[in-house]
Amino acid sequence: GTVWRWRVGPCVLAHLRVPHDPGAARALLEPIGDHLGAAGLGTVSEIFDGDAPFGPRGCIAQAWSVGEFLRAWTALDGGAF
């Protein structure tokens, strides 16, 4: 099925709040590093394939996907969440 990447932001924040596991939270964001240079340079695609190789689909620069990654990354660096 389709994977909406903006939803990783709330998952990261949940790992920070409930089990308080910054390592697990950071691991959720690591795969995006390769994507930032692959589709829309420095941005996050709207959706991805749910099956390997998890190819990007939809628009190449989705504001809510980028916003959620930035919000989650800021929270990992000790910012407000």
N, C-alpha and C. Protein backbone atom coordinates (compact mmCIF):
# COMPACT_ATOMS: atom_id res chain seq x y z
N GLY A 1 0.81 -1.18 0.00
CA GLY A 1 0.00 0.00 0.00
C GLY A 1 0.86 1.25 0.00
N THR A 2 0.21 2.35 0.04
CA THR A 2 0.86 3.66 0.02
C THR A 2 1.33 4.07 1.41
N VAL A 3 2.49 4.69 1.48
CA VAL A 3 3.05 5.19 2.74
C VAL A 3 3.09 6.72 2.67
N TRP A 4 2.46 7.37 3.62
CA TRP A 4 2.49 8.83 3.72
C TRP A 4 3.62 9.20 4.66
N ARG A 5 4.66 9.87 4.15
CA ARG A 5 5.87 10.15 4.94
C ARG A 5 5.65 11.18 6.04
N TRP A 6 4.65 12.02 5.92
CA TRP A 6 4.45 13.03 6.98
C TRP A 6 4.12 12.36 8.30
N ARG A 7 3.63 11.14 8.27
CA ARG A 7 3.22 10.47 9.50
C ARG A 7 4.39 10.02 10.36
N VAL A 8 5.61 10.09 9.85
CA VAL A 8 6.76 9.71 10.65
C VAL A 8 7.00 10.73 11.77
N GLY A 9 6.62 11.98 11.56
CA GLY A 9 6.79 13.01 12.60
C GLY A 9 6.11 12.65 13.91
N PRO A 10 4.81 12.34 13.89
CA PRO A 10 4.15 11.92 15.12
C PRO A 10 4.73 10.65 15.73
N CYS A 11 5.22 9.73 14.89
CA CYS A 11 5.85 8.51 15.42
C CYS A 11 7.13 8.83 16.17
N VAL A 12 7.92 9.75 15.64
CA VAL A 12 9.16 10.16 16.31
C VAL A 12 8.83 10.80 17.66
N LEU A 13 7.85 11.68 17.67
CA LEU A 13 7.48 12.34 18.92
C LEU A 13 6.94 11.34 19.94
N ALA A 14 6.22 10.32 19.48
CA ALA A 14 5.73 9.28 20.39
C ALA A 14 6.89 8.52 21.03
N HIS A 15 7.94 8.22 20.26
CA HIS A 15 9.11 7.54 20.82
C HIS A 15 9.84 8.42 21.83
N LEU A 16 9.76 9.71 21.65
CA LEU A 16 10.40 10.61 22.61
C LEU A 16 9.59 10.73 23.89
N ARG A 17 8.28 10.63 23.80
CA ARG A 17 7.41 10.85 24.95
C ARG A 17 7.12 9.60 25.76
N VAL A 18 6.79 8.49 25.10
CA VAL A 18 6.32 7.32 25.84
C VAL A 18 7.46 6.45 26.33
N PRO A 19 8.22 5.77 25.45
CA PRO A 19 9.33 5.00 26.00
C PRO A 19 10.57 5.86 26.26
N HIS A 20 10.50 7.12 25.86
CA HIS A 20 11.63 8.06 25.97
C HIS A 20 12.90 7.42 25.41
N ASP A 21 12.81 7.07 24.13
CA ASP A 21 13.92 6.40 23.46
C ASP A 21 14.38 7.23 22.26
N PRO A 22 15.29 8.21 22.51
CA PRO A 22 15.77 9.04 21.41
C PRO A 22 16.47 8.26 20.31
N GLY A 23 17.13 7.16 20.65
CA GLY A 23 17.81 6.35 19.63
C GLY A 23 16.82 5.74 18.65
N ALA A 24 15.73 5.20 19.15
CA ALA A 24 14.70 4.62 18.28
C ALA A 24 14.02 5.71 17.46
N ALA A 25 13.82 6.87 18.08
CA ALA A 25 13.21 7.99 17.37
C ALA A 25 14.10 8.46 16.23
N ARG A 26 15.38 8.59 16.48
CA ARG A 26 16.33 9.03 15.45
C ARG A 26 16.41 8.00 14.32
N ALA A 27 16.32 6.72 14.65
CA ALA A 27 16.38 5.67 13.63
C ALA A 27 15.21 5.78 12.64
N LEU A 28 14.09 6.31 13.08
CA LEU A 28 12.95 6.50 12.18
C LEU A 28 13.24 7.57 11.13
N LEU A 29 14.12 8.51 11.44
CA LEU A 29 14.43 9.60 10.51
C LEU A 29 15.61 9.29 9.59
N GLU A 30 16.46 8.36 9.96
CA GLU A 30 17.67 8.09 9.19
C GLU A 30 17.44 7.75 7.72
N PRO A 31 16.43 6.93 7.37
CA PRO A 31 16.26 6.58 5.95
C PRO A 31 15.96 7.78 5.04
N ILE A 32 15.52 8.86 5.59
CA ILE A 32 15.19 10.01 4.74
C ILE A 32 16.45 10.67 4.18
N GLY A 33 17.60 10.43 4.80
CA GLY A 33 18.85 11.03 4.32
C GLY A 33 19.14 10.73 2.86
N ASP A 34 18.97 9.48 2.46
CA ASP A 34 19.20 9.11 1.06
C ASP A 34 18.17 9.76 0.14
N HIS A 35 16.96 9.87 0.62
CA HIS A 35 15.88 10.43 -0.21
C HIS A 35 16.07 11.92 -0.48
N LEU A 36 16.67 12.63 0.44
CA LEU A 36 16.82 14.08 0.29
C LEU A 36 17.62 14.48 -0.94
N GLY A 37 18.47 13.59 -1.43
CA GLY A 37 19.25 13.88 -2.62
C GLY A 37 18.78 13.11 -3.85
N ALA A 38 17.66 12.40 -3.74
CA ALA A 38 17.25 11.52 -4.83
C ALA A 38 16.09 12.05 -5.66
N ALA A 39 15.04 12.51 -5.06
CA ALA A 39 13.84 12.91 -5.82
C ALA A 39 13.87 14.43 -6.00
N GLY A 40 13.22 15.16 -5.12
CA GLY A 40 13.30 16.62 -5.14
C GLY A 40 14.44 17.01 -4.23
N LEU A 41 15.48 17.58 -4.76
CA LEU A 41 16.69 17.85 -4.00
C LEU A 41 16.39 18.63 -2.72
N GLY A 42 16.71 18.02 -1.57
CA GLY A 42 16.54 18.66 -0.27
C GLY A 42 15.12 18.71 0.23
N THR A 43 14.23 17.90 -0.33
CA THR A 43 12.84 17.91 0.11
C THR A 43 12.33 16.47 0.23
N VAL A 44 11.09 16.31 0.62
CA VAL A 44 10.51 14.99 0.86
C VAL A 44 9.31 14.80 -0.05
N SER A 45 9.25 13.66 -0.69
CA SER A 45 8.12 13.34 -1.57
C SER A 45 6.84 13.14 -0.77
N GLU A 46 5.73 13.26 -1.47
CA GLU A 46 4.41 13.15 -0.84
C GLU A 46 4.14 11.75 -0.30
N ILE A 47 4.32 10.74 -1.14
CA ILE A 47 4.03 9.37 -0.75
C ILE A 47 5.14 8.44 -1.26
N PHE A 48 5.14 7.23 -0.73
CA PHE A 48 6.11 6.21 -1.13
C PHE A 48 5.40 4.88 -1.29
N ASP A 49 6.00 3.98 -2.08
CA ASP A 49 5.49 2.62 -2.17
C ASP A 49 5.68 1.94 -0.83
N GLY A 50 4.73 1.12 -0.44
CA GLY A 50 4.84 0.40 0.81
C GLY A 50 5.70 -0.84 0.74
N ASP A 51 6.02 -1.27 -0.49
CA ASP A 51 6.86 -2.45 -0.69
C ASP A 51 8.22 -2.02 -1.22
N ALA A 52 9.23 -2.82 -0.89
CA ALA A 52 10.59 -2.53 -1.36
C ALA A 52 10.59 -2.43 -2.88
N PRO A 53 11.31 -1.51 -3.43
CA PRO A 53 12.33 -0.64 -2.86
C PRO A 53 11.81 0.69 -2.32
N PHE A 54 10.51 0.81 -2.01
CA PHE A 54 9.92 2.00 -1.37
C PHE A 54 10.11 3.27 -2.20
N GLY A 55 9.82 3.17 -3.48
CA GLY A 55 10.00 4.29 -4.39
C GLY A 55 9.10 5.48 -4.09
N PRO A 56 9.62 6.70 -4.30
CA PRO A 56 8.81 7.89 -4.07
C PRO A 56 7.73 8.03 -5.14
N ARG A 57 6.59 8.57 -4.74
CA ARG A 57 5.47 8.79 -5.64
C ARG A 57 4.84 10.14 -5.31
N GLY A 58 3.85 10.51 -6.08
CA GLY A 58 3.16 11.77 -5.83
C GLY A 58 4.05 12.96 -6.15
N CYS A 59 3.78 14.08 -5.53
CA CYS A 59 4.59 15.26 -5.81
C CYS A 59 5.97 15.13 -5.14
N ILE A 60 6.99 15.74 -5.72
CA ILE A 60 8.35 15.56 -5.22
C ILE A 60 8.68 16.46 -4.04
N ALA A 61 7.83 17.43 -3.76
CA ALA A 61 8.10 18.35 -2.65
C ALA A 61 6.80 18.63 -1.91
N GLN A 62 6.54 17.86 -0.85
CA GLN A 62 5.30 17.99 -0.10
C GLN A 62 5.56 18.75 1.19
N ALA A 63 4.88 19.87 1.36
CA ALA A 63 5.14 20.75 2.51
C ALA A 63 4.90 20.08 3.84
N TRP A 64 3.82 19.33 3.98
CA TRP A 64 3.57 18.73 5.30
C TRP A 64 4.56 17.61 5.60
N SER A 65 5.08 16.93 4.59
CA SER A 65 6.12 15.92 4.83
C SER A 65 7.40 16.59 5.30
N VAL A 66 7.81 17.65 4.63
CA VAL A 66 9.01 18.39 5.02
C VAL A 66 8.83 18.97 6.42
N GLY A 67 7.67 19.57 6.68
CA GLY A 67 7.41 20.19 7.98
C GLY A 67 7.47 19.20 9.12
N GLU A 68 6.92 18.01 8.93
CA GLU A 68 6.96 17.00 9.99
C GLU A 68 8.36 16.49 10.26
N PHE A 69 9.16 16.34 9.21
CA PHE A 69 10.55 15.93 9.43
C PHE A 69 11.33 17.00 10.17
N LEU A 70 11.12 18.24 9.80
CA LEU A 70 11.80 19.33 10.50
C LEU A 70 11.36 19.42 11.96
N ARG A 71 10.07 19.26 12.19
CA ARG A 71 9.55 19.32 13.57
C ARG A 71 10.12 18.17 14.40
N ALA A 72 10.16 16.97 13.82
CA ALA A 72 10.70 15.82 14.55
C ALA A 72 12.19 15.98 14.81
N TRP A 73 12.92 16.46 13.81
CA TRP A 73 14.37 16.65 13.98
C TRP A 73 14.65 17.69 15.06
N THR A 74 13.88 18.75 15.07
CA THR A 74 14.03 19.79 16.10
C THR A 74 13.77 19.21 17.49
N ALA A 75 12.77 18.38 17.61
CA ALA A 75 12.46 17.75 18.90
C ALA A 75 13.60 16.86 19.35
N LEU A 76 14.22 16.14 18.43
CA LEU A 76 15.35 15.28 18.79
C LEU A 76 16.55 16.10 19.26
N ASP A 77 16.68 17.29 18.76
CA ASP A 77 17.79 18.16 19.16
C ASP A 77 17.46 18.99 20.39
N GLY A 78 16.42 18.60 21.10
CA GLY A 78 16.09 19.27 22.35
C GLY A 78 15.12 20.43 22.21
N GLY A 79 14.56 20.63 21.03
CA GLY A 79 13.57 21.68 20.84
C GLY A 79 12.23 21.28 21.43
N ALA A 80 11.32 22.20 21.46
CA ALA A 80 9.99 21.94 21.96
C ALA A 80 9.25 20.99 21.03
N PHE A 81 8.48 20.11 21.59
CA PHE A 81 7.64 19.22 20.79
C PHE A 81 6.35 19.09 21.46
